[in-house]
Amino acid sequence: MKLTNEGIKDREAWEKKGYSLPGYDREKMVEKTRKNPTWIHFGAGNIFRAFQANVVEKLLNEGITDTGLIVAEGYDYEIIEKYNRPCDDLSILATLKADGTVEKKVVGSIAESCILDEENKKEIGRLREIFRSSSLQMVSFTITEKGYKTRAYMDKVVGLLLERYKAGKLPISVVSMDNCSHNGDKLKEAVVEIANEWVTVGKCESGFTDYITDKELVAFPLSMIDKITPRPDDTVKEMLIADGVEGAEPIVTTKHTYVANFVNAEETEYLVVEDLFPNGRPELEKGGIIFTDRETVDKTEKMKVCTCLNPLHTCLAIFGCLLGYTTIHDEMDDAALKKMVTILGKDEGMKVVVDPKVLSPDEFLDAVLTKRLPNPFMPDTPQRIACDTSQKLPIRFGETIKAYRASDKLSTDSLKVVPMVIAGYLRYLEGIDDEGKEFEQSPDPLLSELKALSPEEVLKREDVFGVDLYADSLANRALELYEKMKGNGNVRKELESL
């Protein structure tokens, strides 16, 4: 069972093993997409393959659309070279359900894969051709928040938008689908900054910035995305190999990206997008994507990032590393950790959550606590989630602190778990777990800098926590808890005192 166009022609072999296959004429879809592209996505990672590509797959199977996706990779070209193209852009999606069943699906909606390499004339020439196409409606991204701050990457993206401007000021929606606050605004800020600089140095005419900032021509919608897609899991790999699937062994690229011909993901997914599409858009609502106004997207993002999921994830990441856990679902079997995140979500976060109406905060949080985090078939790790913690704390906890301080009825003195997480982060920075053993901290741009500071100095970093922790009792309470957590077994002791 080889994952290629030729390999899936043996439908009986795949279907006998429980795989669903594309139910449309993929050859025609690829041809039509190449001639009249409607959607190009930057970031060929797992979230894209498990979510956006699968939404389009559903629409193709149901005959709602007849064009697929084009994906471009601008950071790790090996993803395209070692996975996409050898597999004819096909992918296996293994959906790991909470009841223990696995849904296996061959996704064929990716019509073409490109490399964002300006040194390669063929590759960049094809991308310019796509951007000059009047049929193109959407350019989307999952390149992480750091991607928008990477000048080399964004210069190339802005260069492609310049091609679209030169082609007749063609309208387009430029959509960040990254898991960060006000993602569309951050993407727009990066694009406009480069465009203004290019105008100043004479690289392009001033009309380009007018084009970029005219929302009737170029829109930068906000979005909220939520779906857990860990690295390729060994259990899933072994299952596929046992089925007879060739090439299921993951490859680690020179940039340390884990690439496989499959992606494993949870069943739950949410994507809420501000409905700003000056050149129209596919009927993605029929694939489960919610389109709404800016205010509602902002509320759903705050609900998830500040209350119902991300703070719980970061809490489990920090204490999971300190207590030696390697899976999130095992942490949820720990009564003290489960109690901690339940208090964090239901008691502390829910008091300041804003209901977006399109999604219920109570139902969302209940699903997180009872289904998503405890799912024993989801191989997510605290170590993965602990990546870039210094960049996550301002939103995941700073916003809750701000809301408490702004309230006439609430006081940060009532917060128990939030200062404990801050104290836990100070312990995490030591790189010593609760048994006194060294552990490898996850990658973080500020890790070395923060490790060199005293705990008191770390707590003064408003860029890390999003607020001045010394403005009330939070900093001192966190320091007291940190002191209590020192020494073997004391992290556990403090957790159990909640």
Protein backbone atom coordinates (compact mmCIF):
# COMPACT_ATOMS: atom_id res chain seq x y z
CA MET A 1 0.00 0.00 0.00
CA LYS A 2 1.98 2.93 -1.32
CA LEU A 3 0.71 6.47 -0.73
CA THR A 4 0.89 7.76 -4.30
CA ASN A 5 -1.60 8.40 -7.08
CA GLU A 6 -0.74 5.01 -8.53
CA GLY A 7 -0.80 3.30 -5.14
CA ILE A 8 -4.34 4.36 -4.18
CA LYS A 9 -5.73 3.04 -7.46
CA ASP A 10 -5.90 -0.28 -5.64
CA ARG A 11 -8.91 0.98 -3.71
CA GLU A 12 -9.90 -2.46 -2.50
CA ALA A 13 -6.61 -2.97 -0.65
CA TRP A 14 -6.92 0.37 1.17
CA GLU A 15 -10.61 0.11 1.91
CA LYS A 16 -10.20 -3.44 3.20
CA LYS A 17 -7.90 -2.01 5.88
CA GLY A 18 -10.47 0.65 6.83
CA TYR A 19 -9.15 3.66 4.93
CA SER A 20 -11.54 6.07 3.22
CA LEU A 21 -10.22 7.38 -0.10
CA PRO A 22 -10.93 10.49 -2.21
CA GLY A 23 -14.36 10.12 -3.81
CA TYR A 24 -13.76 12.61 -6.62
CA ASP A 25 -11.67 12.71 -9.79
CA ARG A 26 -8.40 13.89 -8.30
CA GLU A 27 -6.68 14.31 -11.64
CA LYS A 28 -9.34 16.77 -12.81
CA MET A 29 -9.26 18.57 -9.46
CA VAL A 30 -5.50 19.04 -9.67
CA GLU A 31 -5.70 20.32 -13.24
CA LYS A 32 -8.47 22.80 -12.44
CA THR A 33 -6.71 24.03 -9.28
CA ARG A 34 -3.47 24.64 -11.12
CA LYS A 35 -5.29 26.65 -13.82
CA ASN A 36 -7.62 28.54 -11.50
CA PRO A 37 -6.21 28.53 -7.95
CA THR A 38 -8.55 29.79 -5.24
CA TRP A 39 -6.64 29.11 -2.01
CA ILE A 40 -2.92 28.95 -1.24
CA HIS A 41 -1.70 28.14 2.25
CA PHE A 42 1.74 28.85 3.72
CA GLY A 43 2.94 26.31 6.27
CA ALA A 44 2.89 22.65 5.27
CA GLY A 45 2.75 21.34 8.83
CA ASN A 46 0.47 18.98 10.71
CA ILE A 47 -2.29 21.45 11.62
CA PHE A 48 -2.76 22.32 7.94
CA ARG A 49 -2.84 18.69 6.85
CA ALA A 50 -5.21 17.63 9.63
CA PHE A 51 -7.59 20.61 9.49
CA GLN A 52 -7.69 22.92 6.47
CA ALA A 53 -6.83 20.20 3.94
CA ASN A 54 -9.42 17.90 5.48
CA VAL A 55 -12.14 20.57 5.33
CA VAL A 56 -11.52 20.97 1.59
CA GLU A 57 -11.46 17.19 1.23
CA LYS A 58 -14.97 17.06 2.67
CA LEU A 59 -16.18 19.73 0.24
CA LEU A 60 -14.60 17.92 -2.71
CA ASN A 61 -16.18 14.61 -1.71
CA GLU A 62 -19.58 16.25 -1.40
CA GLY A 63 -19.27 18.07 -4.74
CA ILE A 64 -19.49 21.50 -3.08
CA THR A 65 -16.20 22.58 -4.66
CA ASP A 66 -14.10 21.30 -7.55
CA THR A 67 -10.81 23.00 -6.69
CA GLY A 68 -8.36 22.02 -3.98
CA LEU A 69 -5.55 23.70 -2.10
CA ILE A 70 -2.04 24.74 -2.99
CA VAL A 71 0.45 24.59 -0.13
CA ALA A 72 3.72 26.50 0.09
CA GLU A 73 6.54 25.99 2.58
CA GLY A 74 8.90 28.83 3.37
CA TYR A 75 10.86 27.54 6.35
CA ASP A 76 11.69 23.85 5.93
CA TYR A 77 11.83 22.89 2.26
CA GLU A 78 12.49 19.25 3.15
CA ILE A 79 8.83 18.85 4.12
CA ILE A 80 7.92 19.35 0.47
CA GLU A 81 10.90 17.49 -0.95
CA LYS A 82 10.79 14.45 1.35
CA TYR A 83 7.07 14.08 2.02
CA ASN A 84 4.71 16.03 -0.25
CA ARG A 85 6.15 15.35 -3.66
CA PRO A 86 7.15 11.68 -3.18
CA CYS A 87 3.56 11.07 -1.97
CA ASP A 88 1.98 13.06 -4.83
CA ASP A 89 0.68 15.47 -2.16
CA LEU A 90 -1.49 12.75 -0.61
CA SER A 91 -1.66 12.41 3.16
CA ILE A 92 -3.10 9.99 5.70
CA LEU A 93 -5.15 11.51 8.51
CA ALA A 94 -5.49 9.33 11.60
CA THR A 95 -8.18 10.83 13.81
CA LEU A 96 -7.74 9.57 17.38
CA LYS A 97 -11.14 9.54 19.05
CA ALA A 98 -11.75 9.56 22.80
CA ASP A 99 -13.58 6.21 22.59
CA GLY A 100 -10.40 4.54 21.37
CA THR A 101 -11.37 4.19 17.72
CA VAL A 102 -9.16 5.52 14.93
CA GLU A 103 -10.62 6.95 11.75
CA LYS A 104 -8.18 6.47 8.85
CA LYS A 105 -8.50 8.67 5.79
CA VAL A 106 -6.44 9.41 2.70
CA VAL A 107 -6.68 13.16 2.05
CA GLY A 108 -6.15 14.24 -1.55
CA SER A 109 -7.23 17.89 -1.51
CA ILE A 110 -3.69 19.29 -1.83
CA ALA A 111 -3.34 19.83 -5.56
CA GLU A 112 0.16 21.28 -5.63
CA SER A 113 3.07 21.97 -3.28
CA CYS A 114 5.51 24.84 -3.67
CA ILE A 115 8.74 26.04 -2.09
CA LEU A 116 9.12 29.71 -1.16
CA ASP A 117 12.69 29.90 -2.47
CA GLU A 118 13.61 33.03 -4.38
CA GLU A 119 16.90 31.41 -5.47
CA ASN A 120 14.94 28.76 -7.37
CA LYS A 121 13.55 30.49 -10.46
CA LYS A 122 11.09 27.70 -11.25
CA GLU A 123 9.64 27.63 -7.74
CA ILE A 124 9.33 31.38 -7.24
CA GLY A 125 8.09 31.76 -10.81
CA ARG A 126 5.20 29.40 -10.14
CA LEU A 127 4.29 31.24 -6.94
CA ARG A 128 4.27 34.56 -8.77
CA GLU A 129 2.01 33.03 -11.40
CA ILE A 130 -0.41 31.87 -8.68
CA PHE A 131 -0.48 35.33 -7.07
CA ARG A 132 -1.18 36.97 -10.42
CA SER A 133 -4.23 34.77 -10.93
CA SER A 134 -7.55 36.63 -10.70
CA SER A 135 -9.22 33.46 -9.35
CA LEU A 136 -7.13 33.47 -6.15
CA GLN A 137 -9.38 34.34 -3.21
CA MET A 138 -7.39 33.52 -0.11
CA VAL A 139 -3.81 33.31 1.13
CA SER A 140 -3.63 31.69 4.56
CA PHE A 141 -0.87 30.95 7.06
CA THR A 142 0.08 28.57 9.84
CA ILE A 143 3.71 29.58 10.29
CA THR A 144 3.53 30.38 14.05
CA GLU A 145 3.65 33.87 15.50
CA LYS A 146 7.43 33.86 15.15
CA GLY A 147 7.02 33.54 11.39
CA TYR A 148 5.53 37.04 11.13
CA LYS A 149 8.61 38.41 12.88
CA THR A 150 10.99 36.57 10.54
CA ARG A 151 12.03 39.19 8.02
CA ALA A 152 13.46 36.79 5.43
CA TYR A 153 10.15 34.90 5.29
CA MET A 154 7.89 37.94 5.26
CA ASP A 155 9.95 39.72 2.60
CA LYS A 156 9.13 36.85 0.23
CA VAL A 157 5.42 36.97 1.11
CA VAL A 158 5.26 40.73 0.57
CA GLY A 159 7.07 40.25 -2.74
CA LEU A 160 4.28 37.94 -3.87
CA LEU A 161 1.62 40.46 -2.80
CA LEU A 162 3.52 43.04 -4.85
CA GLU A 163 3.12 40.73 -7.85
CA ARG A 164 -0.64 40.76 -7.25
CA TYR A 165 -0.62 44.55 -7.07
CA LYS A 166 1.28 44.77 -10.35
CA ALA A 167 -1.18 42.37 -11.96
CA GLY A 168 -3.92 44.98 -11.58
CA LYS A 169 -4.48 45.54 -7.85
CA LEU A 170 -6.33 42.24 -7.65
CA PRO A 171 -8.35 41.71 -4.44
CA ILE A 172 -7.31 39.07 -1.91
CA SER A 173 -7.88 37.99 1.68
CA VAL A 174 -4.69 37.36 3.66
CA VAL A 175 -5.68 35.14 6.58
CA SER A 176 -3.56 34.18 9.57
CA MET A 177 -4.78 30.87 10.98
CA ASP A 178 -2.07 30.74 13.62
CA ASN A 179 -2.82 30.17 17.27
CA CYS A 180 -1.99 33.64 18.55
CA SER A 181 -3.90 36.67 19.75
CA HIS A 182 -5.12 39.10 17.06
CA ASN A 183 -3.29 37.05 14.46
CA GLY A 184 -4.64 39.00 11.48
CA ASP A 185 -3.47 42.30 12.95
CA LYS A 186 0.03 40.91 13.54
CA LEU A 187 0.22 39.62 10.00
CA LYS A 188 -0.97 42.95 8.59
CA GLU A 189 1.50 44.88 10.75
CA ALA A 190 4.39 42.81 9.40
CA VAL A 191 3.26 43.22 5.79
CA VAL A 192 2.61 46.96 6.02
CA GLU A 193 5.94 47.63 7.74
CA ILE A 194 7.86 45.98 4.91
CA ALA A 195 5.74 47.66 2.22
CA ASN A 196 6.34 51.10 3.75
CA GLU A 197 10.06 50.44 3.91
CA TRP A 198 10.14 49.35 0.29
CA VAL A 199 8.33 52.54 -0.75
CA THR A 200 10.84 54.63 1.23
CA VAL A 201 13.86 53.04 -0.47
CA GLY A 202 12.23 53.14 -3.90
CA LYS A 203 11.77 49.41 -4.30
CA CYS A 204 8.11 49.93 -5.20
CA GLU A 205 5.68 52.79 -5.78
CA SER A 206 3.57 54.32 -3.00
CA GLY A 207 0.42 52.88 -4.51
CA PHE A 208 1.48 49.48 -3.15
CA THR A 209 0.96 50.55 0.46
CA ASP A 210 -2.38 52.10 -0.51
CA TYR A 211 -3.33 48.72 -1.99
CA ILE A 212 -2.17 46.75 1.06
CA THR A 213 -4.07 49.01 3.48
CA ASP A 214 -7.31 49.21 1.47
CA LYS A 215 -9.53 46.57 3.11
CA GLU A 216 -11.78 46.62 0.04
CA LEU A 217 -8.85 45.15 -1.87
CA VAL A 218 -6.65 43.41 0.72
CA ALA A 219 -8.22 42.10 3.92
CA PHE A 220 -6.47 40.68 6.99
CA PRO A 221 -9.23 38.88 8.93
CA LEU A 222 -8.85 37.71 12.50
CA SER A 223 -9.31 34.01 13.19
CA MET A 224 -9.42 31.57 16.08
CA ILE A 225 -8.16 28.05 15.47
CA ASP A 226 -8.19 25.06 17.78
CA LYS A 227 -7.12 21.50 17.03
CA ILE A 228 -4.45 19.41 18.72
CA THR A 229 -2.06 17.83 16.20
CA PRO A 230 1.00 16.32 17.93
CA ARG A 231 4.06 14.91 16.23
CA PRO A 232 3.66 11.61 14.36
CA ASP A 233 3.04 9.01 17.06
CA ASP A 234 4.80 5.64 17.20
CA THR A 235 1.56 3.80 17.96
CA VAL A 236 -0.08 5.23 14.85
CA LYS A 237 3.04 4.52 12.82
CA GLU A 238 3.04 0.87 13.90
CA MET A 239 -0.67 0.60 13.10
CA LEU A 240 -0.09 1.90 9.57
CA ILE A 241 2.91 -0.35 9.04
CA ALA A 242 0.85 -3.34 10.20
CA ASP A 243 -1.80 -2.33 7.65
CA GLY A 244 0.83 -2.50 4.94
CA VAL A 245 1.34 1.22 4.36
CA GLU A 246 4.79 1.93 2.93
CA GLY A 247 6.87 4.90 4.10
CA ALA A 248 5.13 5.39 7.44
CA GLU A 249 8.43 5.81 9.30
CA PRO A 250 8.77 9.53 10.18
CA ILE A 251 11.69 11.54 8.84
CA VAL A 252 13.45 14.19 10.94
CA THR A 253 14.64 17.02 8.71
CA THR A 254 17.87 18.94 9.23
CA LYS A 255 15.71 21.66 10.81
CA HIS A 256 14.31 19.08 13.27
CA THR A 257 10.84 18.91 11.73
CA TYR A 258 9.13 15.56 12.15
CA VAL A 259 7.67 14.58 8.78
CA ALA A 260 5.65 11.47 7.93
CA ASN A 261 3.13 10.43 5.31
CA PHE A 262 0.52 10.56 8.07
CA VAL A 263 -0.68 13.03 10.68
CA ASN A 264 -2.43 12.08 13.91
CA ALA A 265 -4.93 14.47 15.45
CA GLU A 266 -7.86 14.74 17.81
CA GLU A 267 -11.42 14.78 16.50
CA THR A 268 -12.41 18.15 18.01
CA GLU A 269 -11.67 21.23 15.89
CA TYR A 270 -12.75 24.84 15.72
CA LEU A 271 -11.95 27.55 13.19
CA VAL A 272 -13.74 30.89 13.49
CA VAL A 273 -12.89 33.48 10.83
CA GLU A 274 -13.78 37.13 10.35
CA ASP A 275 -15.81 37.21 7.14
CA LEU A 276 -13.68 39.64 5.08
CA PHE A 277 -13.08 38.28 1.58
CA PRO A 278 -12.93 40.99 -1.10
CA ASN A 279 -12.53 38.43 -3.90
CA GLY A 280 -15.10 35.98 -2.51
CA ARG A 281 -14.31 32.67 -0.82
CA PRO A 282 -15.08 28.94 -0.99
CA GLU A 283 -18.16 27.70 0.90
CA LEU A 284 -16.03 26.60 3.83
CA GLU A 285 -18.90 26.97 6.28
CA LYS A 286 -20.22 23.73 4.77
CA GLY A 287 -17.05 22.11 6.08
CA GLY A 288 -17.60 23.34 9.64
CA ILE A 289 -15.69 26.64 9.59
CA ILE A 290 -17.57 29.47 11.32
CA PHE A 291 -17.62 32.88 9.59
CA THR A 292 -18.66 35.86 11.67
CA ASP A 293 -17.78 39.45 12.57
CA ARG A 294 -14.54 40.75 14.07
CA GLU A 295 -15.90 41.23 17.59
CA THR A 296 -17.15 37.65 17.76
CA VAL A 297 -13.84 36.23 16.51
CA ASP A 298 -12.07 38.29 19.16
CA LYS A 299 -14.35 36.87 21.85
CA THR A 300 -13.87 33.26 20.75
CA GLU A 301 -10.12 33.77 20.68
CA LYS A 302 -10.09 35.24 24.18
CA MET A 303 -12.39 32.48 25.42
CA LYS A 304 -10.01 29.78 24.21
CA VAL A 305 -6.61 31.42 24.68
CA CYS A 306 -7.26 33.18 27.97
CA THR A 307 -9.64 30.78 29.72
CA CYS A 308 -10.90 27.50 28.31
CA LEU A 309 -7.87 25.71 26.85
CA ASN A 310 -4.50 27.40 26.49
CA PRO A 311 -3.97 28.37 30.17
CA LEU A 312 -4.79 24.79 31.16
CA HIS A 313 -2.31 23.51 28.58
CA THR A 314 0.48 25.76 29.84
CA CYS A 315 -0.28 24.82 33.44
CA LEU A 316 0.00 21.11 32.57
CA ALA A 317 3.12 21.75 30.50
CA ILE A 318 5.00 23.44 33.35
CA PHE A 319 4.02 21.00 36.07
CA GLY A 320 4.23 18.01 33.75
CA CYS A 321 7.91 18.79 33.14
CA LEU A 322 8.52 19.29 36.87
CA LEU A 323 6.82 16.02 37.79
CA GLY A 324 8.33 13.90 35.04
CA TYR A 325 5.22 13.33 32.91
CA THR A 326 5.56 12.66 29.20
CA THR A 327 1.89 12.71 28.15
CA ILE A 328 -0.92 15.15 28.85
CA HIS A 329 -3.51 12.39 29.31
CA ASP A 330 -1.40 10.81 32.09
CA GLU A 331 -1.35 14.17 33.84
CA MET A 332 -5.14 14.21 33.77
CA ASP A 333 -5.09 10.90 35.67
CA ASP A 334 -3.21 12.70 38.46
CA ALA A 335 -5.88 13.89 40.89
CA ALA A 336 -3.88 16.94 42.03
CA LEU A 337 -3.15 18.15 38.49
CA LYS A 338 -6.71 17.53 37.35
CA LYS A 339 -8.00 19.52 40.33
CA MET A 340 -5.56 22.31 39.55
CA VAL A 341 -6.63 22.82 35.93
CA THR A 342 -10.30 22.43 36.87
CA ILE A 343 -9.98 25.26 39.41
CA LEU A 344 -8.01 27.31 36.88
CA GLY A 345 -10.71 26.95 34.22
CA LYS A 346 -14.00 26.71 36.10
CA ASP A 347 -13.32 28.82 39.18
CA GLU A 348 -10.77 31.43 38.15
CA GLY A 349 -11.05 31.80 34.37
CA MET A 350 -14.82 31.52 33.99
CA LYS A 351 -15.38 34.53 36.24
CA VAL A 352 -13.95 36.83 33.56
CA VAL A 353 -14.72 34.94 30.33
CA VAL A 354 -16.73 36.69 27.61
CA ASP A 355 -19.36 34.52 25.92
CA PRO A 356 -18.91 34.76 22.10
CA LYS A 357 -22.36 33.13 21.54
CA VAL A 358 -21.21 31.13 18.48
CA LEU A 359 -19.46 28.72 20.89
CA SER A 360 -20.49 28.02 24.50
CA PRO A 361 -17.62 28.60 26.98
CA ASP A 362 -19.09 26.08 29.44
CA GLU A 363 -19.44 23.37 26.78
CA PHE A 364 -16.02 24.16 25.35
CA LEU A 365 -14.36 23.90 28.78
CA ASP A 366 -16.26 20.75 29.71
CA ALA A 367 -15.06 19.10 26.49
CA VAL A 368 -11.48 20.13 27.28
CA LEU A 369 -11.61 18.74 30.83
CA THR A 370 -13.59 15.56 30.20
CA LYS A 371 -12.70 14.54 26.64
CA ARG A 372 -9.81 16.36 25.03
CA LEU A 373 -7.10 16.54 27.69
CA PRO A 374 -7.81 13.08 29.18
CA ASN A 375 -7.99 11.36 25.75
CA PRO A 376 -5.57 8.41 26.22
CA PHE A 377 -5.22 8.03 22.47
CA MET A 378 -3.85 11.55 21.95
CA PRO A 379 -0.05 11.35 22.35
CA ASP A 380 0.48 15.02 23.23
CA THR A 381 3.32 15.93 25.57
CA PRO A 382 3.94 18.66 28.16
CA GLN A 383 7.37 19.11 26.58
CA ARG A 384 5.83 20.10 23.22
CA ILE A 385 3.40 22.51 24.84
CA ALA A 386 6.18 24.02 26.98
CA CYS A 387 7.87 25.39 23.84
CA ASP A 388 7.96 29.22 23.82
CA THR A 389 6.27 29.47 27.24
CA SER A 390 7.65 32.99 27.76
CA GLN A 391 5.73 34.09 24.66
CA LYS A 392 2.48 32.49 25.84
CA LEU A 393 2.24 33.65 29.46
CA PRO A 394 1.20 37.28 28.71
CA ILE A 395 -1.97 36.18 26.92
CA ARG A 396 -2.77 32.97 28.77
CA PHE A 397 -2.47 34.49 32.25
CA GLY A 398 -1.79 38.21 31.90
CA GLU A 399 -5.22 38.86 30.37
CA THR A 400 -6.99 37.12 33.27
CA ILE A 401 -5.00 39.17 35.76
CA LYS A 402 -5.95 42.37 33.91
CA ALA A 403 -9.63 41.38 33.95
CA TYR A 404 -9.56 40.75 37.71
CA ARG A 405 -7.85 44.07 38.34
CA ALA A 406 -10.40 45.89 36.18
CA SER A 407 -13.36 44.32 37.97
CA ASP A 408 -15.24 46.01 40.81
CA LYS A 409 -16.29 42.62 42.20
CA LEU A 410 -13.10 40.56 41.85
CA SER A 411 -9.64 40.73 43.37
CA THR A 412 -6.43 38.96 42.38
CA ASP A 413 -6.13 38.01 46.05
CA SER A 414 -8.74 35.32 45.34
CA LEU A 415 -6.58 33.70 42.66
CA LYS A 416 -4.87 30.52 43.86
CA VAL A 417 -3.82 28.65 40.74
CA VAL A 418 -2.54 31.63 38.70
CA PRO A 419 0.20 32.55 41.24
CA MET A 420 0.99 28.84 41.59
CA VAL A 421 1.58 28.57 37.83
CA ILE A 422 3.85 31.61 37.98
CA ALA A 423 5.77 30.00 40.84
CA GLY A 424 5.91 26.75 38.91
CA TYR A 425 7.41 28.62 35.96
CA LEU A 426 10.18 29.96 38.22
CA ARG A 427 10.89 26.37 39.27
CA TYR A 428 10.76 25.25 35.62
CA LEU A 429 13.44 27.80 34.72
CA GLU A 430 15.81 26.02 37.13
CA GLY A 431 15.73 22.90 34.94
CA ILE A 432 15.51 20.66 38.03
CA ASP A 433 12.45 18.46 38.50
CA ASP A 434 10.65 17.57 41.74
CA GLU A 435 12.96 14.60 42.29
CA GLY A 436 16.07 16.75 42.00
CA LYS A 437 16.95 15.53 38.50
CA GLU A 438 17.93 17.78 35.61
CA PHE A 439 15.52 17.92 32.67
CA GLU A 440 15.85 19.46 29.23
CA GLN A 441 13.75 22.59 28.95
CA SER A 442 11.81 23.13 25.74
CA PRO A 443 12.97 25.67 23.14
CA ASP A 444 12.10 29.26 24.02
CA PRO A 445 13.61 32.49 22.63
CA LEU A 446 13.99 33.97 26.14
CA LEU A 447 15.05 30.82 27.99
CA SER A 448 18.77 31.63 28.38
CA GLU A 449 18.04 35.24 29.26
CA LEU A 450 15.47 34.39 31.95
CA LYS A 451 17.57 31.59 33.45
CA ALA A 452 20.33 34.13 34.11
CA LEU A 453 18.01 36.32 36.21
CA SER A 454 16.98 36.01 39.84
CA PRO A 455 13.35 34.98 40.49
CA GLU A 456 12.59 38.54 41.63
CA GLU A 457 13.99 39.93 38.38
CA VAL A 458 12.04 37.43 36.26
CA LEU A 459 8.81 38.55 37.91
CA LYS A 460 9.56 42.16 36.95
CA ARG A 461 9.44 41.25 33.25
CA GLU A 462 6.15 42.69 32.01
CA ASP A 463 6.96 41.38 28.53
CA VAL A 464 6.83 37.85 29.96
CA PHE A 465 3.74 38.15 32.14
CA GLY A 466 1.83 40.89 30.33
CA VAL A 467 1.35 42.90 33.54
CA ASP A 468 3.29 44.36 36.46
CA LEU A 469 3.05 41.52 38.96
CA TYR A 470 4.30 43.84 41.70
CA ALA A 471 1.26 46.11 41.29
CA ASP A 472 -0.55 43.93 43.84
CA SER A 473 0.25 40.85 45.92
CA LEU A 474 0.78 38.45 43.00
CA ALA A 475 4.57 38.70 42.74
CA ASN A 476 5.15 38.21 46.47
CA ARG A 477 2.67 35.34 46.63
CA ALA A 478 4.36 33.67 43.65
CA LEU A 479 7.77 34.09 45.33
CA GLU A 480 6.46 32.55 48.55
CA LEU A 481 5.10 29.56 46.64
CA TYR A 482 8.34 29.25 44.69
CA GLU A 483 10.33 29.07 47.93
CA LYS A 484 7.98 26.37 49.22
CA MET A 485 8.41 24.41 45.96
CA LYS A 486 12.19 24.19 46.35
CA GLY A 487 13.62 20.83 47.31
CA ASN A 488 12.61 17.31 46.43
CA GLY A 489 8.92 16.51 46.60
CA ASN A 490 7.79 20.03 47.43
CA VAL A 491 6.18 20.79 44.07
CA ARG A 492 3.92 17.80 44.68
CA LYS A 493 3.30 18.91 48.25
CA GLU A 494 2.13 22.39 47.18
CA LEU A 495 -0.11 20.97 44.46
CA GLU A 496 -1.84 18.68 46.93
CA SER A 497 -2.43 21.60 49.31
CA LEU A 498 -4.79 23.27 46.82
